[in-house]
PDB file of all heavy atoms in Angstrom:
ATOM      1  N   LYS A   1     -90.558  54.243 -45.708  1.00  0.00           N
ATOM      2  CA  LYS A   1     -90.727  54.079 -44.375  1.00  0.00           C
ATOM      3  C   LYS A   1     -90.921  52.562 -44.057  1.00  0.00           C
ATOM      4  O   LYS A   1     -90.691  52.063 -42.999  1.00  0.00           O
ATOM      5  CB  LYS A   1     -91.805  54.770 -43.721  1.00  0.00           C
ATOM      6  CG  LYS A   1     -91.561  56.310 -43.715  1.00  0.00           C
ATOM      7  CD  LYS A   1     -92.614  57.110 -43.133  1.00  0.00           C
ATOM      8  CE  LYS A   1     -92.323  58.640 -43.083  1.00  0.00           C
ATOM      9  NZ  LYS A   1     -93.491  59.453 -42.552  1.00  0.00           N
ATOM     10  N   GLN A   2     -91.480  51.845 -44.956  1.00  0.00           N
ATOM     11  CA  GLN A   2     -91.620  50.376 -44.873  1.00  0.00           C
ATOM     12  C   GLN A   2     -90.471  49.652 -45.236  1.00  0.00           C
ATOM     13  O   GLN A   2     -90.592  48.435 -45.202  1.00  0.00           O
ATOM     14  CB  GLN A   2     -92.917  50.026 -45.647  1.00  0.00           C
ATOM     15  CG  GLN A   2     -94.222  50.573 -45.286  1.00  0.00           C
ATOM     16  CD  GLN A   2     -95.375  50.120 -46.191  1.00  0.00           C
ATOM     17  OE1 GLN A   2     -95.218  49.256 -47.006  1.00  0.00           O
ATOM     18  NE2 GLN A   2     -96.472  50.895 -46.191  1.00  0.00           N
ATOM     19  N   GLY A   3     -89.393  50.248 -45.554  1.00  0.00           N
ATOM     20  CA  GLY A   3     -88.063  49.596 -45.915  1.00  0.00           C
ATOM     21  C   GLY A   3     -87.833  49.205 -47.316  1.00  0.00           C
ATOM     22  O   GLY A   3     -86.990  48.390 -47.730  1.00  0.00           O
ATOM     23  N   HIS A   4     -88.668  49.874 -48.216  1.00  0.00           N
ATOM     24  CA  HIS A   4     -88.540  49.502 -49.657  1.00  0.00           C
ATOM     25  C   HIS A   4     -87.639  50.485 -50.293  1.00  0.00           C
ATOM     26  O   HIS A   4     -87.493  51.607 -49.858  1.00  0.00           O
ATOM     27  CB  HIS A   4     -89.980  49.667 -50.371  1.00  0.00           C
ATOM     28  CG  HIS A   4     -91.083  48.528 -49.999  1.00  0.00           C
ATOM     29  ND1 HIS A   4     -90.820  47.237 -50.200  1.00  0.00           N
ATOM     30  CD2 HIS A   4     -92.079  48.788 -49.214  1.00  0.00           C
ATOM     31  CE1 HIS A   4     -92.006  46.595 -49.738  1.00  0.00           C
ATOM     32  NE2 HIS A   4     -92.650  47.541 -49.124  1.00  0.00           N
ATOM     33  N   THR A   5     -86.964  49.885 -51.409  1.00  0.00           N
ATOM     34  CA  THR A   5     -86.133  50.852 -52.317  1.00  0.00           C
ATOM     35  C   THR A   5     -87.068  51.239 -53.295  1.00  0.00           C
ATOM     36  O   THR A   5     -87.513  50.356 -54.052  1.00  0.00           O
ATOM     37  CB  THR A   5     -84.886  50.122 -52.672  1.00  0.00           C
ATOM     38  OG1 THR A   5     -84.101  49.643 -51.650  1.00  0.00           O
ATOM     39  CG2 THR A   5     -84.110  51.029 -53.632  1.00  0.00           C
ATOM     40  N   VAL A   6     -87.274  52.539 -53.474  1.00  0.00           N
ATOM     41  CA  VAL A   6     -88.303  53.059 -54.317  1.00  0.00           C
ATOM     42  C   VAL A   6     -87.747  53.586 -55.637  1.00  0.00           C
ATOM     43  O   VAL A   6     -86.834  54.515 -55.528  1.00  0.00           O
ATOM     44  CB  VAL A   6     -89.154  54.043 -53.595  1.00  0.00           C
ATOM     45  CG1 VAL A   6     -90.359  54.575 -54.427  1.00  0.00           C
ATOM     46  CG2 VAL A   6     -89.710  53.493 -52.267  1.00  0.00           C
ATOM     47  N   GLY A   7     -88.324  53.272 -56.709  1.00  0.00           N
ATOM     48  CA  GLY A   7     -88.002  53.992 -58.038  1.00  0.00           C
ATOM     49  C   GLY A   7     -89.199  54.833 -58.550  1.00  0.00           C
ATOM     50  O   GLY A   7     -90.344  54.449 -58.209  1.00  0.00           O
ATOM     51  N   MET A   8     -88.896  55.834 -59.113  1.00  0.00           N
ATOM     52  CA  MET A   8     -89.901  56.931 -59.642  1.00  0.00           C
ATOM     53  C   MET A   8     -89.627  57.249 -60.936  1.00  0.00           C
ATOM     54  O   MET A   8     -88.510  57.563 -61.385  1.00  0.00           O
ATOM     55  CB  MET A   8     -89.947  58.036 -58.647  1.00  0.00           C
ATOM     56  CG  MET A   8     -90.848  59.218 -59.112  1.00  0.00           C
ATOM     57  SD  MET A   8     -92.643  58.755 -58.949  1.00  0.00           S
ATOM     58  CE  MET A   8     -93.331  60.152 -59.888  1.00  0.00           C
ATOM     59  N   THR A   9     -90.648  57.267 -61.760  1.00  0.00           N
ATOM     60  CA  THR A   9     -90.545  57.791 -63.167  1.00  0.00           C
ATOM     61  C   THR A   9     -91.454  58.931 -63.444  1.00  0.00           C
ATOM     62  O   THR A   9     -92.541  59.006 -62.799  1.00  0.00           O
ATOM     63  CB  THR A   9     -90.923  56.531 -64.278  1.00  0.00           C
ATOM     64  OG1 THR A   9     -92.263  56.245 -64.046  1.00  0.00           O
ATOM     65  CG2 THR A   9     -90.079  55.406 -64.103  1.00  0.00           C
ATOM     66  N   GLY A  10     -90.983  59.782 -64.203  1.00  0.00           N
ATOM     67  CA  GLY A  10     -91.758  61.084 -64.583  1.00  0.00           C
ATOM     68  C   GLY A  10     -91.200  61.810 -65.695  1.00  0.00           C
ATOM     69  O   GLY A  10     -90.046  61.551 -66.113  1.00  0.00           O
ATOM     70  N   ASP A  11     -91.969  62.785 -66.198  1.00  0.00           N
ATOM     71  CA  ASP A  11     -91.426  63.695 -67.281  1.00  0.00           C
ATOM     72  C   ASP A  11     -91.755  65.169 -67.108  1.00  0.00           C
ATOM     73  O   ASP A  11     -91.385  65.978 -67.855  1.00  0.00           O
ATOM     74  CB  ASP A  11     -91.878  63.201 -68.567  1.00  0.00           C
ATOM     75  CG  ASP A  11     -93.379  63.143 -68.633  1.00  0.00           C
ATOM     76  OD1 ASP A  11     -94.099  63.513 -67.726  1.00  0.00           O
ATOM     77  OD2 ASP A  11     -93.966  62.746 -69.721  1.00  0.00           O
ATOM     78  N   GLY A  12     -92.629  65.409 -65.968  1.00  0.00           N
ATOM     79  CA  GLY A  12     -93.116  66.882 -65.786  1.00  0.00           C
ATOM     80  C   GLY A  12     -92.524  67.427 -64.621  1.00  0.00           C
ATOM     81  O   GLY A  12     -91.859  66.840 -63.714  1.00  0.00           O
ATOM     82  N   VAL A  13     -92.841  68.837 -64.540  1.00  0.00           N
ATOM     83  CA  VAL A  13     -92.293  69.607 -63.364  1.00  0.00           C
ATOM     84  C   VAL A  13     -93.105  69.035 -62.096  1.00  0.00           C
ATOM     85  O   VAL A  13     -92.543  69.016 -60.987  1.00  0.00           O
ATOM     86  CB  VAL A  13     -92.742  71.095 -63.588  1.00  0.00           C
ATOM     87  CG1 VAL A  13     -92.380  71.815 -62.384  1.00  0.00           C
ATOM     88  CG2 VAL A  13     -91.920  71.618 -64.673  1.00  0.00           C
ATOM     89  N   ASN A  14     -94.321  68.526 -62.252  1.00  0.00           N
ATOM     90  CA  ASN A  14     -95.188  68.092 -61.079  1.00  0.00           C
ATOM     91  C   ASN A  14     -94.506  66.691 -60.499  1.00  0.00           C
ATOM     92  O   ASN A  14     -94.833  66.337 -59.419  1.00  0.00           O
ATOM     93  CB  ASN A  14     -96.620  67.810 -61.476  1.00  0.00           C
ATOM     94  CG  ASN A  14     -96.651  66.912 -62.602  1.00  0.00           C
ATOM     95  OD1 ASN A  14     -95.942  66.870 -63.581  1.00  0.00           O
ATOM     96  ND2 ASN A  14     -97.587  65.855 -62.458  1.00  0.00           N
ATOM     97  N   ASP A  15     -93.690  66.264 -61.193  1.00  0.00           N
ATOM     98  CA  ASP A  15     -93.049  64.896 -60.721  1.00  0.00           C
ATOM     99  C   ASP A  15     -91.731  65.182 -59.923  1.00  0.00           C
ATOM    100  O   ASP A  15     -91.078  64.262 -59.561  1.00  0.00           O
ATOM    101  CB  ASP A  15     -92.604  63.889 -61.959  1.00  0.00           C
ATOM    102  CG  ASP A  15     -93.917  63.543 -62.586  1.00  0.00           C
ATOM    103  OD1 ASP A  15     -94.983  63.268 -61.899  1.00  0.00           O
ATOM    104  OD2 ASP A  15     -93.911  63.499 -63.889  1.00  0.00           O
ATOM    105  N   VAL A  16     -91.204  66.514 -59.987  1.00  0.00           N
ATOM    106  CA  VAL A  16     -89.978  66.673 -59.599  1.00  0.00           C
ATOM    107  C   VAL A  16     -89.651  66.315 -58.093  1.00  0.00           C
ATOM    108  O   VAL A  16     -88.676  65.718 -57.590  1.00  0.00           O
ATOM    109  CB  VAL A  16     -89.499  68.069 -59.728  1.00  0.00           C
ATOM    110  CG1 VAL A  16     -88.232  68.601 -58.963  1.00  0.00           C
ATOM    111  CG2 VAL A  16     -89.240  68.507 -61.272  1.00  0.00           C
ATOM    112  N   MET A  17     -90.588  66.551 -57.218  1.00  0.00           N
ATOM    113  CA  MET A  17     -90.421  66.399 -55.706  1.00  0.00           C
ATOM    114  C   MET A  17     -90.471  64.881 -55.499  1.00  0.00           C
ATOM    115  O   MET A  17     -89.626  64.348 -54.724  1.00  0.00           O
ATOM    116  CB  MET A  17     -91.661  66.957 -54.958  1.00  0.00           C
ATOM    117  CG  MET A  17     -91.793  68.488 -55.051  1.00  0.00           C
ATOM    118  SD  MET A  17     -90.197  69.297 -54.369  1.00  0.00           S
ATOM    119  CE  MET A  17     -90.430  68.710 -52.524  1.00  0.00           C
ATOM    120  N   ALA A  18     -91.256  64.070 -56.152  1.00  0.00           N
ATOM    121  CA  ALA A  18     -91.238  62.550 -56.041  1.00  0.00           C
ATOM    122  C   ALA A  18     -89.944  62.036 -56.532  1.00  0.00           C
ATOM    123  O   ALA A  18     -89.426  61.091 -55.990  1.00  0.00           O
ATOM    124  CB  ALA A  18     -92.439  61.992 -56.640  1.00  0.00           C
ATOM    125  N   LEU A  19     -89.404  62.593 -57.644  1.00  0.00           N
ATOM    126  CA  LEU A  19     -88.177  62.122 -58.230  1.00  0.00           C
ATOM    127  C   LEU A  19     -87.006  62.371 -57.321  1.00  0.00           C
ATOM    128  O   LEU A  19     -86.120  61.506 -57.197  1.00  0.00           O
ATOM    129  CB  LEU A  19     -88.048  62.771 -59.631  1.00  0.00           C
ATOM    130  CG  LEU A  19     -88.798  62.396 -60.819  1.00  0.00           C
ATOM    131  CD1 LEU A  19     -88.662  63.361 -61.888  1.00  0.00           C
ATOM    132  CD2 LEU A  19     -88.558  60.987 -61.239  1.00  0.00           C
ATOM    133  N   LYS A  20     -87.015  63.526 -56.566  1.00  0.00           N
ATOM    134  CA  LYS A  20     -85.898  63.787 -55.785  1.00  0.00           C
ATOM    135  C   LYS A  20     -86.002  63.011 -54.560  1.00  0.00           C
ATOM    136  O   LYS A  20     -84.914  62.527 -53.921  1.00  0.00           O
ATOM    137  CB  LYS A  20     -86.034  65.282 -55.379  1.00  0.00           C
ATOM    138  CG  LYS A  20     -85.637  66.212 -56.481  1.00  0.00           C
ATOM    139  CD  LYS A  20     -85.594  67.592 -56.037  1.00  0.00           C
ATOM    140  CE  LYS A  20     -84.497  67.988 -54.998  1.00  0.00           C
ATOM    141  NZ  LYS A  20     -84.289  69.386 -54.644  1.00  0.00           N
ATOM    142  N   GLN A  21     -87.171  62.534 -54.020  1.00  0.00           N
ATOM    143  CA  GLN A  21     -87.363  61.747 -52.882  1.00  0.00           C
ATOM    144  C   GLN A  21     -87.113  60.373 -53.062  1.00  0.00           C
ATOM    145  O   GLN A  21     -86.579  59.651 -52.119  1.00  0.00           O
ATOM    146  CB  GLN A  21     -88.777  61.913 -52.308  1.00  0.00           C
ATOM    147  CG  GLN A  21     -89.129  61.003 -51.161  1.00  0.00           C
ATOM    148  CD  GLN A  21     -88.423  61.610 -49.799  1.00  0.00           C
ATOM    149  OE1 GLN A  21     -88.000  62.763 -49.664  1.00  0.00           O
ATOM    150  NE2 GLN A  21     -87.963  60.622 -49.032  1.00  0.00           N
ATOM    151  N   ALA A  22     -87.264  59.841 -54.193  1.00  0.00           N
ATOM    152  CA  ALA A  22     -86.993  58.386 -54.505  1.00  0.00           C
ATOM    153  C   ALA A  22     -85.591  57.878 -54.564  1.00  0.00           C
ATOM    154  O   ALA A  22     -84.730  58.832 -54.566  1.00  0.00           O
ATOM    155  CB  ALA A  22     -87.584  58.119 -55.992  1.00  0.00           C
ATOM    156  N   ASP A  23     -85.380  56.604 -54.254  1.00  0.00           N
ATOM    157  CA  ASP A  23     -84.078  56.196 -54.163  1.00  0.00           C
ATOM    158  C   ASP A  23     -83.368  56.093 -55.618  1.00  0.00           C
ATOM    159  O   ASP A  23     -82.219  56.280 -55.746  1.00  0.00           O
ATOM    160  CB  ASP A  23     -83.990  54.679 -53.539  1.00  0.00           C
ATOM    161  CG  ASP A  23     -84.457  54.821 -52.176  1.00  0.00           C
ATOM    162  OD1 ASP A  23     -83.760  55.351 -51.354  1.00  0.00           O
ATOM    163  OD2 ASP A  23     -85.543  54.209 -51.889  1.00  0.00           O
ATOM    164  N   CYS A  24     -84.249  55.866 -56.629  1.00  0.00           N
ATOM    165  CA  CYS A  24     -83.661  55.791 -57.996  1.00  0.00           C
ATOM    166  C   CYS A  24     -84.768  56.517 -58.845  1.00  0.00           C
ATOM    167  O   CYS A  24     -85.990  56.068 -58.890  1.00  0.00           O
ATOM    168  CB  CYS A  24     -83.595  54.503 -58.486  1.00  0.00           C
ATOM    169  SG  CYS A  24     -83.010  54.337 -60.161  1.00  0.00           S
ATOM    170  N   SER A  25     -84.506  57.611 -59.473  1.00  0.00           N
ATOM    171  CA  SER A  25     -85.409  58.363 -60.305  1.00  0.00           C
ATOM    172  C   SER A  25     -85.092  58.199 -61.738  1.00  0.00           C
ATOM    173  O   SER A  25     -83.926  58.296 -62.163  1.00  0.00           O
ATOM    174  CB  SER A  25     -85.375  59.851 -59.731  1.00  0.00           C
ATOM    175  OG  SER A  25     -84.146  60.321 -59.908  1.00  0.00           O
ATOM    176  N   ILE A  26     -86.198  58.098 -62.647  1.00  0.00           N
ATOM    177  CA  ILE A  26     -85.947  57.860 -64.026  1.00  0.00           C
ATOM    178  C   ILE A  26     -86.890  58.861 -64.815  1.00  0.00           C
ATOM    179  O   ILE A  26     -87.969  58.794 -64.488  1.00  0.00           O
ATOM    180  CB  ILE A  26     -86.240  56.355 -64.467  1.00  0.00           C
ATOM    181  CG1 ILE A  26     -85.532  55.424 -63.509  1.00  0.00           C
ATOM    182  CG2 ILE A  26     -86.019  56.117 -65.903  1.00  0.00           C
ATOM    183  CD1 ILE A  26     -85.935  53.955 -63.590  1.00  0.00           C
ATOM    184  N   ALA A  27     -86.132  59.608 -65.653  1.00  0.00           N
ATOM    185  CA  ALA A  27     -86.940  60.604 -66.372  1.00  0.00           C
ATOM    186  C   ALA A  27     -86.967  60.226 -67.931  1.00  0.00           C
ATOM    187  O   ALA A  27     -86.123  59.637 -68.417  1.00  0.00           O
ATOM    188  CB  ALA A  27     -86.453  62.044 -66.218  1.00  0.00           C
ATOM    189  N   MET A  28     -88.086  60.750 -68.530  1.00  0.00           N
ATOM    190  CA  MET A  28     -88.135  60.615 -69.988  1.00  0.00           C
ATOM    191  C   MET A  28     -87.175  61.616 -70.607  1.00  0.00           C
ATOM    192  O   MET A  28     -87.181  62.779 -70.203  1.00  0.00           O
ATOM    193  CB  MET A  28     -89.520  60.694 -70.517  1.00  0.00           C
ATOM    194  CG  MET A  28     -90.561  59.825 -69.949  1.00  0.00           C
ATOM    195  SD  MET A  28     -90.248  57.928 -70.577  1.00  0.00           S
ATOM    196  CE  MET A  28     -89.607  57.169 -69.127  1.00  0.00           C
ATOM    197  N   GLY A  29     -86.604  61.248 -71.852  1.00  0.00           N
ATOM    198  CA  GLY A  29     -85.746  62.190 -72.477  1.00  0.00           C
ATOM    199  C   GLY A  29     -86.430  63.373 -73.091  1.00  0.00           C
ATOM    200  O   GLY A  29     -85.830  64.493 -73.128  1.00  0.00           O
ATOM    201  N   SER A  30     -87.684  63.342 -73.311  1.00  0.00           N
ATOM    202  CA  SER A  30     -88.493  64.476 -73.780  1.00  0.00           C
ATOM    203  C   SER A  30     -89.132  65.185 -72.687  1.00  0.00           C
ATOM    204  O   SER A  30     -90.086  66.032 -73.122  1.00  0.00           O
ATOM    205  CB  SER A  30     -89.470  63.884 -74.844  1.00  0.00           C
ATOM    206  OG  SER A  30     -90.388  62.967 -74.168  1.00  0.00           O
ATOM    207  N   GLY A  31     -88.827  64.844 -71.493  1.00  0.00           N
ATOM    208  CA  GLY A  31     -89.540  65.452 -70.411  1.00  0.00           C
ATOM    209  C   GLY A  31     -89.092  66.861 -70.151  1.00  0.00           C
ATOM    210  O   GLY A  31     -88.287  67.500 -70.792  1.00  0.00           O
ATOM    211  N   ALA A  32     -89.581  67.508 -69.060  1.00  0.00           N
ATOM    212  CA  ALA A  32     -89.232  68.945 -68.658  1.00  0.00           C
ATOM    213  C   ALA A  32     -87.778  68.924 -68.165  1.00  0.00           C
ATOM    214  O   ALA A  32     -87.207  67.953 -67.728  1.00  0.00           O
ATOM    215  CB  ALA A  32     -90.190  69.422 -67.592  1.00  0.00           C
ATOM    216  N   GLN A  33     -87.144  70.033 -68.375  1.00  0.00           N
ATOM    217  CA  GLN A  33     -85.700  70.179 -67.896  1.00  0.00           C
ATOM    218  C   GLN A  33     -85.465  69.914 -66.455  1.00  0.00           C
ATOM    219  O   GLN A  33     -84.411  69.488 -66.059  1.00  0.00           O
ATOM    220  CB  GLN A  33     -85.217  71.579 -68.396  1.00  0.00           C
ATOM    221  CG  GLN A  33     -83.712  71.728 -68.139  1.00  0.00           C
ATOM    222  CD  GLN A  33     -82.812  70.801 -68.978  1.00  0.00           C
ATOM    223  OE1 GLN A  33     -83.223  70.469 -70.165  1.00  0.00           O
ATOM    224  NE2 GLN A  33     -81.752  70.328 -68.471  1.00  0.00           N
ATOM    225  N   ALA A  34     -86.491  70.402 -65.677  1.00  0.00           N
ATOM    226  CA  ALA A  34     -86.371  70.182 -64.251  1.00  0.00           C
ATOM    227  C   ALA A  34     -86.370  68.791 -63.804  1.00  0.00           C
ATOM    228  O   ALA A  34     -85.613  68.244 -62.940  1.00  0.00           O
ATOM    229  CB  ALA A  34     -87.398  70.971 -63.426  1.00  0.00           C
ATOM    230  N   ALA A  35     -87.202  67.956 -64.492  1.00  0.00           N
ATOM    231  CA  ALA A  35     -87.271  66.552 -64.267  1.00  0.00           C
ATOM    232  C   ALA A  35     -85.982  65.849 -64.624  1.00  0.00           C
ATOM    233  O   ALA A  35     -85.417  64.916 -63.969  1.00  0.00           O
ATOM    234  CB  ALA A  35     -88.496  65.864 -65.014  1.00  0.00           C
TER     235      ALA A  35
END
C-alpha cells in the first residue's frame, strides 16, 4: 500500500498466504509442498 515491491521468503505452510500476496515469493527447496 506504500508503493513498495515486496519479496517474501518462507518454507512452511504458515508462510503460504504471505507468499501468495507478495510480488515475488521465494521458497526453500526443502520446504513444505504448499509453499
